[in-house]
Amino acid sequence: MPKHPSHKTQTPRINRAIGQLEAIKRMINEEKYCVDIMTQLRAARNAIKTVELGVLETHMEACMVDACSGDDEKLGAERIKEIMQLLKKYD
């Protein structure tokens, strides 16, 4: 079974997103201005998107390349199908 790549480099970004979400929760509890809350929600969404793209990039560079460059053509096709199904779930 192949070894999965590490995503530990994403931890600081995840921590930043958690911090942003905590700040948003405080803003809501303190009844801050709606547009200010929405601005922070957008920033948190972008932080999570950055993590998502980082994980996808690592997957493409490691798992996909590994699966598609080996002798098992079926494994490569399965990996491509996984990614296509994942991408179809997004708007």
N, C-alpha and C. Protein backbone atom coordinates (compact mmCIF):
# COMPACT_ATOMS: atom_id res chain seq x y z
N MET A 1 0.85 -1.19 0.00
CA MET A 1 0.00 0.00 0.00
C MET A 1 0.89 1.24 0.00
N PRO A 2 0.63 2.19 -0.89
CA PRO A 2 1.47 3.38 -0.97
C PRO A 2 1.32 4.27 0.26
N LYS A 3 2.39 4.97 0.56
CA LYS A 3 2.39 5.89 1.70
C LYS A 3 1.73 7.20 1.26
N HIS A 4 0.89 7.74 2.12
CA HIS A 4 0.23 9.00 1.83
C HIS A 4 1.18 10.16 2.13
N PRO A 5 1.13 11.22 1.34
CA PRO A 5 2.00 12.37 1.59
C PRO A 5 1.55 13.12 2.85
N SER A 6 2.47 13.85 3.42
CA SER A 6 2.17 14.65 4.62
C SER A 6 1.55 15.99 4.22
N HIS A 7 0.60 16.41 5.00
CA HIS A 7 -0.03 17.71 4.80
C HIS A 7 0.23 18.63 6.00
N LYS A 8 1.24 18.29 6.78
CA LYS A 8 1.54 19.06 8.00
C LYS A 8 1.89 20.51 7.71
N THR A 9 2.35 20.80 6.51
CA THR A 9 2.67 22.19 6.17
C THR A 9 1.41 23.06 6.14
N GLN A 10 0.25 22.43 6.09
CA GLN A 10 -1.00 23.17 6.08
C GLN A 10 -1.47 23.57 7.48
N THR A 11 -0.85 23.01 8.51
CA THR A 11 -1.29 23.26 9.89
C THR A 11 -1.32 24.75 10.24
N PRO A 12 -0.30 25.55 9.91
CA PRO A 12 -0.39 26.98 10.23
C PRO A 12 -1.57 27.67 9.55
N ARG A 13 -1.87 27.27 8.34
CA ARG A 13 -3.01 27.86 7.64
C ARG A 13 -4.33 27.46 8.31
N ILE A 14 -4.40 26.22 8.74
CA ILE A 14 -5.60 25.76 9.44
C ILE A 14 -5.75 26.52 10.75
N ASN A 15 -4.64 26.70 11.47
CA ASN A 15 -4.69 27.46 12.72
C ASN A 15 -5.15 28.90 12.47
N ARG A 16 -4.70 29.49 11.37
CA ARG A 16 -5.12 30.85 11.02
C ARG A 16 -6.62 30.88 10.76
N ALA A 17 -7.14 29.89 10.04
CA ALA A 17 -8.58 29.83 9.76
C ALA A 17 -9.38 29.65 11.05
N ILE A 18 -8.87 28.82 11.95
CA ILE A 18 -9.54 28.64 13.25
C ILE A 18 -9.58 29.95 14.00
N GLY A 19 -8.47 30.67 13.99
CA GLY A 19 -8.42 31.98 14.65
C GLY A 19 -9.42 32.95 14.03
N GLN A 20 -9.54 32.92 12.72
CA GLN A 20 -10.51 33.79 12.04
C GLN A 20 -11.94 33.42 12.44
N LEU A 21 -12.22 32.13 12.52
CA LEU A 21 -13.57 31.70 12.91
C LEU A 21 -13.88 32.08 14.35
N GLU A 22 -12.90 31.97 15.23
CA GLU A 22 -13.10 32.41 16.62
C GLU A 22 -13.39 33.91 16.68
N ALA A 23 -12.67 34.68 15.87
CA ALA A 23 -12.90 36.13 15.81
C ALA A 23 -14.29 36.43 15.30
N ILE A 24 -14.74 35.67 14.32
CA ILE A 24 -16.09 35.87 13.78
C ILE A 24 -17.13 35.57 14.85
N LYS A 25 -16.92 34.51 15.60
CA LYS A 25 -17.85 34.17 16.68
C LYS A 25 -17.93 35.31 17.69
N ARG A 26 -16.77 35.89 18.04
CA ARG A 26 -16.76 37.03 18.96
C ARG A 26 -17.51 38.22 18.37
N MET A 27 -17.27 38.47 17.09
CA MET A 27 -17.95 39.59 16.43
C MET A 27 -19.46 39.42 16.47
N ILE A 28 -19.92 38.20 16.24
CA ILE A 28 -21.36 37.93 16.28
C ILE A 28 -21.89 38.13 17.69
N ASN A 29 -21.18 37.62 18.68
CA ASN A 29 -21.61 37.78 20.08
C ASN A 29 -21.60 39.24 20.51
N GLU A 30 -20.68 40.02 19.94
CA GLU A 30 -20.59 41.44 20.28
C GLU A 30 -21.48 42.30 19.37
N GLU A 31 -22.25 41.65 18.51
CA GLU A 31 -23.19 42.31 17.61
C GLU A 31 -22.51 43.37 16.75
N LYS A 32 -21.41 42.99 16.15
CA LYS A 32 -20.68 43.88 15.25
C LYS A 32 -21.46 44.08 13.96
N TYR A 33 -21.03 45.04 13.19
CA TYR A 33 -21.68 45.41 11.93
C TYR A 33 -21.66 44.23 10.95
N CYS A 34 -22.79 43.99 10.30
CA CYS A 34 -22.97 42.84 9.40
C CYS A 34 -21.88 42.75 8.32
N VAL A 35 -21.58 43.85 7.69
CA VAL A 35 -20.60 43.84 6.60
C VAL A 35 -19.21 43.49 7.13
N ASP A 36 -18.89 43.92 8.34
CA ASP A 36 -17.61 43.56 8.94
C ASP A 36 -17.54 42.05 9.20
N ILE A 37 -18.64 41.48 9.66
CA ILE A 37 -18.70 40.03 9.88
C ILE A 37 -18.56 39.29 8.56
N MET A 38 -19.26 39.77 7.55
CA MET A 38 -19.20 39.12 6.24
C MET A 38 -17.80 39.22 5.64
N THR A 39 -17.12 40.32 5.88
CA THR A 39 -15.75 40.46 5.40
C THR A 39 -14.85 39.41 6.03
N GLN A 40 -15.02 39.20 7.31
CA GLN A 40 -14.22 38.20 8.01
C GLN A 40 -14.60 36.78 7.59
N LEU A 41 -15.87 36.55 7.33
CA LEU A 41 -16.30 35.24 6.82
C LEU A 41 -15.64 34.95 5.48
N ARG A 42 -15.55 35.96 4.63
CA ARG A 42 -14.90 35.81 3.33
C ARG A 42 -13.42 35.45 3.50
N ALA A 43 -12.77 36.12 4.46
CA ALA A 43 -11.35 35.85 4.72
C ALA A 43 -11.16 34.42 5.22
N ALA A 44 -12.06 33.96 6.09
CA ALA A 44 -11.97 32.58 6.60
C ALA A 44 -12.20 31.58 5.48
N ARG A 45 -13.15 31.87 4.61
CA ARG A 45 -13.41 30.99 3.47
C ARG A 45 -12.18 30.89 2.56
N ASN A 46 -11.54 32.03 2.32
CA ASN A 46 -10.34 32.03 1.49
C ASN A 46 -9.20 31.27 2.14
N ALA A 47 -9.09 31.37 3.47
CA ALA A 47 -8.04 30.63 4.18
C ALA A 47 -8.26 29.12 4.03
N ILE A 48 -9.49 28.69 4.14
CA ILE A 48 -9.81 27.26 3.99
C ILE A 48 -9.58 26.83 2.55
N LYS A 49 -9.93 27.68 1.61
CA LYS A 49 -9.70 27.37 0.20
C LYS A 49 -8.22 27.20 -0.09
N THR A 50 -7.39 28.01 0.54
CA THR A 50 -5.93 27.89 0.37
C THR A 50 -5.44 26.54 0.88
N VAL A 51 -5.96 26.09 2.01
CA VAL A 51 -5.61 24.77 2.54
C VAL A 51 -6.08 23.69 1.57
N GLU A 52 -7.29 23.82 1.10
CA GLU A 52 -7.84 22.84 0.16
C GLU A 52 -6.98 22.72 -1.09
N LEU A 53 -6.60 23.85 -1.65
CA LEU A 53 -5.77 23.83 -2.85
C LEU A 53 -4.39 23.25 -2.57
N GLY A 54 -3.86 23.51 -1.39
CA GLY A 54 -2.57 22.93 -1.02
C GLY A 54 -2.62 21.42 -0.92
N VAL A 55 -3.69 20.91 -0.32
CA VAL A 55 -3.86 19.46 -0.21
C VAL A 55 -4.06 18.85 -1.59
N LEU A 56 -4.85 19.51 -2.43
CA LEU A 56 -5.05 19.02 -3.79
C LEU A 56 -3.75 19.01 -4.57
N GLU A 57 -2.97 20.06 -4.45
CA GLU A 57 -1.69 20.12 -5.16
C GLU A 57 -0.76 18.99 -4.73
N THR A 58 -0.68 18.75 -3.44
CA THR A 58 0.14 17.64 -2.94
C THR A 58 -0.38 16.31 -3.46
N HIS A 59 -1.69 16.16 -3.48
CA HIS A 59 -2.29 14.92 -3.99
C HIS A 59 -1.93 14.72 -5.46
N MET A 60 -2.04 15.79 -6.23
CA MET A 60 -1.73 15.68 -7.66
C MET A 60 -0.26 15.36 -7.88
N GLU A 61 0.62 16.01 -7.11
CA GLU A 61 2.05 15.81 -7.29
C GLU A 61 2.53 14.45 -6.78
N ALA A 62 1.88 13.93 -5.76
CA ALA A 62 2.33 12.67 -5.17
C ALA A 62 1.45 11.49 -5.59
N CYS A 63 0.23 11.49 -5.12
CA CYS A 63 -0.66 10.34 -5.33
C CYS A 63 -1.02 10.13 -6.80
N MET A 64 -1.37 11.21 -7.48
CA MET A 64 -1.78 11.09 -8.88
C MET A 64 -0.60 10.69 -9.77
N VAL A 65 0.52 11.36 -9.61
CA VAL A 65 1.70 11.04 -10.42
C VAL A 65 2.12 9.60 -10.17
N ASP A 66 2.12 9.21 -8.90
CA ASP A 66 2.51 7.85 -8.54
C ASP A 66 1.57 6.83 -9.18
N ALA A 67 0.26 7.08 -9.08
CA ALA A 67 -0.73 6.14 -9.62
C ALA A 67 -0.68 6.06 -11.14
N CYS A 68 -0.45 7.19 -11.79
CA CYS A 68 -0.48 7.22 -13.25
C CYS A 68 0.84 6.80 -13.90
N SER A 69 1.91 6.81 -13.13
CA SER A 69 3.19 6.44 -13.73
C SER A 69 3.56 4.98 -13.49
N GLY A 70 2.75 4.29 -12.71
CA GLY A 70 3.02 2.89 -12.43
C GLY A 70 2.47 1.97 -13.51
N ASP A 71 2.61 0.69 -13.28
CA ASP A 71 2.14 -0.31 -14.24
C ASP A 71 0.64 -0.57 -14.14
N ASP A 72 0.03 -0.15 -13.04
CA ASP A 72 -1.39 -0.42 -12.81
C ASP A 72 -2.24 0.69 -13.42
N GLU A 73 -2.64 0.52 -14.67
CA GLU A 73 -3.44 1.53 -15.37
C GLU A 73 -4.80 1.74 -14.69
N LYS A 74 -5.32 0.67 -14.10
CA LYS A 74 -6.62 0.76 -13.43
C LYS A 74 -6.53 1.72 -12.24
N LEU A 75 -5.42 1.68 -11.49
CA LEU A 75 -5.25 2.57 -10.34
C LEU A 75 -5.22 4.02 -10.79
N GLY A 76 -4.51 4.32 -11.86
CA GLY A 76 -4.48 5.68 -12.39
C GLY A 76 -5.85 6.17 -12.79
N ALA A 77 -6.61 5.32 -13.45
CA ALA A 77 -7.97 5.67 -13.86
C ALA A 77 -8.86 5.90 -12.64
N GLU A 78 -8.69 5.09 -11.60
CA GLU A 78 -9.47 5.26 -10.37
C GLU A 78 -9.16 6.59 -9.71
N ARG A 79 -7.89 6.97 -9.67
CA ARG A 79 -7.49 8.24 -9.05
C ARG A 79 -8.07 9.42 -9.82
N ILE A 80 -8.06 9.33 -11.12
CA ILE A 80 -8.64 10.41 -11.94
C ILE A 80 -10.14 10.49 -11.69
N LYS A 81 -10.81 9.34 -11.62
CA LYS A 81 -12.25 9.31 -11.36
C LYS A 81 -12.56 9.93 -9.99
N GLU A 82 -11.74 9.64 -8.98
CA GLU A 82 -11.92 10.23 -7.64
C GLU A 82 -11.91 11.75 -7.70
N ILE A 83 -10.91 12.29 -8.38
CA ILE A 83 -10.79 13.74 -8.48
C ILE A 83 -11.97 14.33 -9.24
N MET A 84 -12.37 13.69 -10.32
CA MET A 84 -13.51 14.19 -11.09
C MET A 84 -14.79 14.20 -10.25
N GLN A 85 -15.01 13.15 -9.48
CA GLN A 85 -16.19 13.10 -8.61
C GLN A 85 -16.13 14.19 -7.55
N LEU A 86 -14.95 14.42 -7.01
CA LEU A 86 -14.77 15.47 -6.00
C LEU A 86 -15.07 16.84 -6.60
N LEU A 87 -14.52 17.11 -7.77
CA LEU A 87 -14.72 18.41 -8.41
C LEU A 87 -16.18 18.64 -8.82
N LYS A 88 -16.90 17.59 -9.14
CA LYS A 88 -18.30 17.72 -9.52
C LYS A 88 -19.18 18.13 -8.34
N LYS A 89 -18.69 17.91 -7.13
CA LYS A 89 -19.46 18.27 -5.93
C LYS A 89 -19.44 19.77 -5.67
N TYR A 90 -18.53 20.49 -6.31
CA TYR A 90 -18.39 21.92 -6.09
C TYR A 90 -19.25 22.71 -7.05
N ASP A 91 -19.67 23.86 -6.60
CA ASP A 91 -20.44 24.77 -7.47
C ASP A 91 -19.51 25.54 -8.37
